[in-house]
Amino acid sequence: MQHSVTQHDVFIGLGSNLHDPVAHLRRAVEEIARLDGVAATGRSSVYRSAPVGHADQPDFFNAVLRIRTGLAPATLLAALHDIEQLHGRTRTFRNAPRTLDLDVLLVGALRQDDPALTLPHPRCHARAFVLRPLVEIAPDCVIPGRGFARDWLAACVDQPIEKLGALVADEAGAMAVER
């Protein structure tokens, strides 16, 4: 007898501001899409924004990836942390510069308050660098317990963010942003 696994639409936030950030984002998208039990179903453009919290660091490059998976949220988070480690991620202090940051933003309509993983991501509704790419690929996305993501984006007008374009690879395989 086969057991069916409940599939969820999951949104993952990607960010980087060190050592060729665009290449880190591109490779991370590919690595996430290769995870067992994961199907990538959408990818936003890349956006550039100023750092939040610790301002003395380079601008961040961000994107959002939509996947379909039956993986448990904790299992997915562990896999994302493994990918961060492959990219040399070190956790020195909150809001520090990083080679790669992968956050589980939303898992369907799931709400969870757990020390290891809070869903929806506790600050996703207040960050333009999350909301702009999220609304780009899911204009009618609802943040559980908060409402439409697009409504929260309207409240983030004081957070400058620049849309750069889609992630592409040139003939040599170098990562770039297509404007």
C-alpha atoms as a PDB file:
ATOM      1  CA  MET A   1       0.000   0.000   0.000  1.00  0.00           C
ATOM      2  CA  GLN A   2       1.320   3.419  -0.933  1.00  0.00           C
ATOM      3  CA  HIS A   3       0.972   6.359   1.411  1.00  0.00           C
ATOM      4  CA  SER A   4       0.292   9.715  -0.117  1.00  0.00           C
ATOM      5  CA  VAL A   5       2.422  12.609   1.052  1.00  0.00           C
ATOM      6  CA  THR A   6       0.729  15.963   1.368  1.00  0.00           C
ATOM      7  CA  GLN A   7       2.376  18.382  -1.006  1.00  0.00           C
ATOM      8  CA  HIS A   8       2.746  22.051  -0.097  1.00  0.00           C
ATOM      9  CA  ASP A   9       3.666  25.185  -1.956  1.00  0.00           C
ATOM     10  CA  VAL A  10       6.694  26.520  -0.134  1.00  0.00           C
ATOM     11  CA  PHE A  11       8.411  29.870  -0.594  1.00  0.00           C
ATOM     12  CA  ILE A  12      12.106  30.145   0.171  1.00  0.00           C
ATOM     13  CA  GLY A  13      13.935  33.452   0.552  1.00  0.00           C
ATOM     14  CA  LEU A  14      17.470  33.593  -0.818  1.00  0.00           C
ATOM     15  CA  GLY A  15      20.018  36.269   0.025  1.00  0.00           C
ATOM     16  CA  SER A  16      23.725  36.907  -0.421  1.00  0.00           C
ATOM     17  CA  ASN A  17      26.121  39.815  -0.188  1.00  0.00           C
ATOM     18  CA  LEU A  18      29.596  38.241  -0.268  1.00  0.00           C
ATOM     19  CA  HIS A  19      31.882  36.662  -2.860  1.00  0.00           C
ATOM     20  CA  ASP A  20      29.844  36.942  -6.087  1.00  0.00           C
ATOM     21  CA  PRO A  21      26.339  36.988  -4.589  1.00  0.00           C
ATOM     22  CA  VAL A  22      24.571  36.402  -7.893  1.00  0.00           C
ATOM     23  CA  ALA A  23      26.536  33.172  -8.440  1.00  0.00           C
ATOM     24  CA  HIS A  24      25.606  31.995  -4.933  1.00  0.00           C
ATOM     25  CA  LEU A  25      21.916  32.658  -5.627  1.00  0.00           C
ATOM     26  CA  ARG A  26      21.994  30.864  -8.972  1.00  0.00           C
ATOM     27  CA  ARG A  27      23.764  27.797  -7.599  1.00  0.00           C
ATOM     28  CA  ALA A  28      21.460  27.682  -4.568  1.00  0.00           C
ATOM     29  CA  VAL A  29      18.374  27.662  -6.808  1.00  0.00           C
ATOM     30  CA  GLU A  30      19.856  24.746  -8.751  1.00  0.00           C
ATOM     31  CA  GLU A  31      20.836  22.868  -5.567  1.00  0.00           C
ATOM     32  CA  ILE A  32      17.401  23.300  -3.991  1.00  0.00           C
ATOM     33  CA  ALA A  33      15.705  22.111  -7.192  1.00  0.00           C
ATOM     34  CA  ARG A  34      17.843  18.927  -7.074  1.00  0.00           C
ATOM     35  CA  LEU A  35      16.750  17.983  -3.547  1.00  0.00           C
ATOM     36  CA  ASP A  36      14.811  14.708  -3.344  1.00  0.00           C
ATOM     37  CA  GLY A  37      11.091  15.377  -3.116  1.00  0.00           C
ATOM     38  CA  VAL A  38      11.349  18.986  -4.324  1.00  0.00           C
ATOM     39  CA  ALA A  39      10.040  20.486  -7.561  1.00  0.00           C
ATOM     40  CA  ALA A  40      10.884  24.115  -8.305  1.00  0.00           C
ATOM     41  CA  THR A  41       7.773  25.832  -9.639  1.00  0.00           C
ATOM     42  CA  GLY A  42       8.742  29.505  -9.744  1.00  0.00           C
ATOM     43  CA  ARG A  43      11.646  31.881  -9.312  1.00  0.00           C
ATOM     44  CA  SER A  44      11.616  35.628  -8.892  1.00  0.00           C
ATOM     45  CA  SER A  45      13.937  38.170 -10.375  1.00  0.00           C
ATOM     46  CA  VAL A  46      16.968  39.248  -8.371  1.00  0.00           C
ATOM     47  CA  TYR A  47      16.642  42.389  -6.262  1.00  0.00           C
ATOM     48  CA  ARG A  48      19.298  44.547  -4.608  1.00  0.00           C
ATOM     49  CA  SER A  49      18.701  46.285  -1.288  1.00  0.00           C
ATOM     50  CA  ALA A  50      20.617  47.898   1.531  1.00  0.00           C
ATOM     51  CA  PRO A  51      21.447  45.700   4.514  1.00  0.00           C
ATOM     52  CA  VAL A  52      19.063  45.643   7.487  1.00  0.00           C
ATOM     53  CA  GLY A  53      20.376  45.879  11.040  1.00  0.00           C
ATOM     54  CA  HIS A  54      24.153  45.892  10.558  1.00  0.00           C
ATOM     55  CA  ALA A  55      24.611  48.623   7.933  1.00  0.00           C
ATOM     56  CA  ASP A  56      28.406  48.431   7.485  1.00  0.00           C
ATOM     57  CA  GLN A  57      28.398  45.760   4.788  1.00  0.00           C
ATOM     58  CA  PRO A  58      27.730  45.402   1.054  1.00  0.00           C
ATOM     59  CA  ASP A  59      24.216  45.544  -0.404  1.00  0.00           C
ATOM     60  CA  PHE A  60      22.260  42.302  -0.479  1.00  0.00           C
ATOM     61  CA  PHE A  61      21.022  40.449  -3.527  1.00  0.00           C
ATOM     62  CA  ASN A  62      17.750  38.618  -2.892  1.00  0.00           C
ATOM     63  CA  ALA A  63      15.260  36.385  -4.652  1.00  0.00           C
ATOM     64  CA  VAL A  64      12.382  34.060  -3.772  1.00  0.00           C
ATOM     65  CA  LEU A  65      12.000  30.493  -4.982  1.00  0.00           C
ATOM     66  CA  ARG A  66       8.668  28.659  -5.040  1.00  0.00           C
ATOM     67  CA  ILE A  67       8.803  24.901  -4.657  1.00  0.00           C
ATOM     68  CA  ARG A  68       6.319  22.063  -4.318  1.00  0.00           C
ATOM     69  CA  THR A  69       7.301  19.441  -1.747  1.00  0.00           C
ATOM     70  CA  GLY A  70       6.051  16.898   0.728  1.00  0.00           C
ATOM     71  CA  LEU A  71       9.122  17.311   2.922  1.00  0.00           C
ATOM     72  CA  ALA A  72       8.444  18.234   6.532  1.00  0.00           C
ATOM     73  CA  PRO A  73       9.404  21.874   7.208  1.00  0.00           C
ATOM     74  CA  ALA A  74      12.180  20.835   9.632  1.00  0.00           C
ATOM     75  CA  THR A  75      13.620  18.415   7.064  1.00  0.00           C
ATOM     76  CA  LEU A  76      13.576  21.103   4.385  1.00  0.00           C
ATOM     77  CA  LEU A  77      15.222  23.612   6.730  1.00  0.00           C
ATOM     78  CA  ALA A  78      18.005  21.124   7.528  1.00  0.00           C
ATOM     79  CA  ALA A  79      18.621  20.606   3.801  1.00  0.00           C
ATOM     80  CA  LEU A  80      18.746  24.390   3.274  1.00  0.00           C
ATOM     81  CA  HIS A  81      21.267  24.738   6.100  1.00  0.00           C
ATOM     82  CA  ASP A  82      23.401  22.065   4.405  1.00  0.00           C
ATOM     83  CA  ILE A  83      23.332  24.100   1.184  1.00  0.00           C
ATOM     84  CA  GLU A  84      24.326  27.235   3.111  1.00  0.00           C
ATOM     85  CA  GLN A  85      27.305  25.319   4.518  1.00  0.00           C
ATOM     86  CA  LEU A  86      28.359  24.255   1.017  1.00  0.00           C
ATOM     87  CA  HIS A  87      28.530  27.966   0.191  1.00  0.00           C
ATOM     88  CA  GLY A  88      30.727  28.741   3.206  1.00  0.00           C
ATOM     89  CA  ARG A  89      28.035  30.316   5.392  1.00  0.00           C
ATOM     90  CA  THR A  90      29.235  31.267   8.840  1.00  0.00           C
ATOM     91  CA  ARG A  91      26.942  32.594  11.555  1.00  0.00           C
ATOM     92  CA  THR A  92      28.992  35.221  13.376  1.00  0.00           C
ATOM     93  CA  PHE A  93      26.293  37.646  14.560  1.00  0.00           C
ATOM     94  CA  ARG A  94      22.727  38.627  13.686  1.00  0.00           C
ATOM     95  CA  ASN A  95      22.397  40.421  10.316  1.00  0.00           C
ATOM     96  CA  ALA A  96      26.061  39.752   9.498  1.00  0.00           C
ATOM     97  CA  PRO A  97      27.351  39.635   5.920  1.00  0.00           C
ATOM     98  CA  ARG A  98      26.900  36.188   4.385  1.00  0.00           C
ATOM     99  CA  THR A  99      27.682  34.132   1.338  1.00  0.00           C
ATOM    100  CA  LEU A 100      24.211  32.603   1.379  1.00  0.00           C
ATOM    101  CA  ASP A 101      21.092  32.879   3.496  1.00  0.00           C
ATOM    102  CA  LEU A 102      18.156  30.533   2.859  1.00  0.00           C
ATOM    103  CA  ASP A 103      14.932  31.061   4.793  1.00  0.00           C
ATOM    104  CA  VAL A 104      11.720  29.057   4.739  1.00  0.00           C
ATOM    105  CA  LEU A 105       9.202  31.880   4.407  1.00  0.00           C
ATOM    106  CA  LEU A 106       5.871  30.091   3.949  1.00  0.00           C
ATOM    107  CA  VAL A 107       4.721  26.472   3.893  1.00  0.00           C
ATOM    108  CA  GLY A 108       1.208  26.574   2.502  1.00  0.00           C
ATOM    109  CA  ALA A 109      -1.139  27.911   5.176  1.00  0.00           C
ATOM    110  CA  LEU A 110       0.896  26.373   7.996  1.00  0.00           C
ATOM    111  CA  ARG A 111       1.388  28.393  11.168  1.00  0.00           C
ATOM    112  CA  GLN A 112       4.005  27.130  13.573  1.00  0.00           C
ATOM    113  CA  ASP A 113       5.799  28.705  16.512  1.00  0.00           C
ATOM    114  CA  ASP A 114       8.759  26.479  17.207  1.00  0.00           C
ATOM    115  CA  PRO A 115      12.231  27.466  18.472  1.00  0.00           C
ATOM    116  CA  ALA A 116      13.810  25.882  15.375  1.00  0.00           C
ATOM    117  CA  LEU A 117      11.381  27.228  12.775  1.00  0.00           C
ATOM    118  CA  THR A 118       8.595  29.787  12.989  1.00  0.00           C
ATOM    119  CA  LEU A 119       6.084  29.874  10.139  1.00  0.00           C
ATOM    120  CA  PRO A 120       5.347  32.094   8.476  1.00  0.00           C
ATOM    121  CA  HIS A 121       8.821  33.593   8.805  1.00  0.00           C
ATOM    122  CA  PRO A 122       8.371  36.122  11.637  1.00  0.00           C
ATOM    123  CA  ARG A 123       9.676  39.145   9.691  1.00  0.00           C
ATOM    124  CA  CYS A 124       8.665  38.313   6.112  1.00  0.00           C
ATOM    125  CA  HIS A 125       5.677  40.683   6.233  1.00  0.00           C
ATOM    126  CA  ALA A 126       7.908  43.655   7.103  1.00  0.00           C
ATOM    127  CA  ARG A 127      10.760  43.288   4.615  1.00  0.00           C
ATOM    128  CA  ALA A 128      10.590  44.682   1.088  1.00  0.00           C
ATOM    129  CA  PHE A 129      13.439  42.385  -0.014  1.00  0.00           C
ATOM    130  CA  VAL A 130      11.148  39.431   0.752  1.00  0.00           C
ATOM    131  CA  LEU A 131       7.807  40.896  -0.286  1.00  0.00           C
ATOM    132  CA  ARG A 132       8.755  42.319  -3.708  1.00  0.00           C
ATOM    133  CA  PRO A 133      10.076  39.031  -5.114  1.00  0.00           C
ATOM    134  CA  LEU A 134       7.305  37.080  -3.370  1.00  0.00           C
ATOM    135  CA  VAL A 135       4.554  39.230  -4.882  1.00  0.00           C
ATOM    136  CA  GLU A 136       6.297  39.038  -8.273  1.00  0.00           C
ATOM    137  CA  ILE A 137       5.869  35.260  -8.464  1.00  0.00           C
ATOM    138  CA  ALA A 138       2.693  34.942  -6.359  1.00  0.00           C
ATOM    139  CA  PRO A 139       0.633  38.155  -6.633  1.00  0.00           C
ATOM    140  CA  ASP A 140      -2.245  36.690  -4.603  1.00  0.00           C
ATOM    141  CA  CYS A 141      -0.033  35.131  -1.923  1.00  0.00           C
ATOM    142  CA  VAL A 142      -1.482  35.219   1.579  1.00  0.00           C
ATOM    143  CA  ILE A 143       0.792  35.289   4.607  1.00  0.00           C
ATOM    144  CA  PRO A 144      -1.017  33.112   7.161  1.00  0.00           C
ATOM    145  CA  GLY A 145      -2.344  35.207  10.010  1.00  0.00           C
ATOM    146  CA  ARG A 146      -1.393  38.461   8.258  1.00  0.00           C
ATOM    147  CA  GLY A 147      -3.227  38.675   4.934  1.00  0.00           C
ATOM    148  CA  PHE A 148      -2.130  39.458   1.391  1.00  0.00           C
ATOM    149  CA  ALA A 149       1.609  39.932   0.902  1.00  0.00           C
ATOM    150  CA  ARG A 150       0.915  42.763  -1.560  1.00  0.00           C
ATOM    151  CA  ASP A 151      -0.838  44.737   1.187  1.00  0.00           C
ATOM    152  CA  TRP A 152       2.202  44.422   3.445  1.00  0.00           C
ATOM    153  CA  LEU A 153       4.476  45.473   0.581  1.00  0.00           C
ATOM    154  CA  ALA A 154       2.587  48.766   0.367  1.00  0.00           C
ATOM    155  CA  ALA A 155       3.661  49.431   3.962  1.00  0.00           C
ATOM    156  CA  CYS A 156       7.363  48.999   3.068  1.00  0.00           C
ATOM    157  CA  VAL A 157       7.707  52.024   0.776  1.00  0.00           C
ATOM    158  CA  ASP A 158      10.487  53.401   3.003  1.00  0.00           C
ATOM    159  CA  GLN A 159      12.699  50.387   2.134  1.00  0.00           C
ATOM    160  CA  PRO A 160      14.409  51.045  -1.208  1.00  0.00           C
ATOM    161  CA  ILE A 161      14.812  47.980  -3.387  1.00  0.00           C
ATOM    162  CA  GLU A 162      16.002  47.681  -6.981  1.00  0.00           C
ATOM    163  CA  LYS A 163      14.845  44.975  -9.378  1.00  0.00           C
ATOM    164  CA  LEU A 164      17.878  43.798 -11.334  1.00  0.00           C
ATOM    165  CA  GLY A 165      16.441  41.060 -13.545  1.00  0.00           C
ATOM    166  CA  ALA A 166      16.478  37.300 -14.005  1.00  0.00           C
ATOM    167  CA  LEU A 167      19.333  34.968 -13.126  1.00  0.00           C
ATOM    168  CA  VAL A 168      20.998  33.643 -16.262  1.00  0.00           C
ATOM    169  CA  ALA A 169      24.212  31.848 -17.189  1.00  0.00           C
ATOM    170  CA  ASP A 170      26.346  33.016 -20.114  1.00  0.00           C
ATOM    171  CA  GLU A 171      28.030  30.656 -22.615  1.00  0.00           C
ATOM    172  CA  ALA A 172      30.945  30.099 -20.213  1.00  0.00           C
ATOM    173  CA  GLY A 173      28.582  29.274 -17.352  1.00  0.00           C
ATOM    174  CA  ALA A 174      29.265  32.507 -15.466  1.00  0.00           C
ATOM    175  CA  MET A 175      26.330  33.760 -13.470  1.00  0.00           C
ATOM    176  CA  ALA A 176      24.840  37.117 -14.301  1.00  0.00           C
ATOM    177  CA  VAL A 177      21.653  39.086 -14.005  1.00  0.00           C
ATOM    178  CA  GLU A 178      19.784  39.670 -17.265  1.00  0.00           C
ATOM    179  CA  ARG A 179      18.193  43.108 -17.268  1.00  0.00           C
END
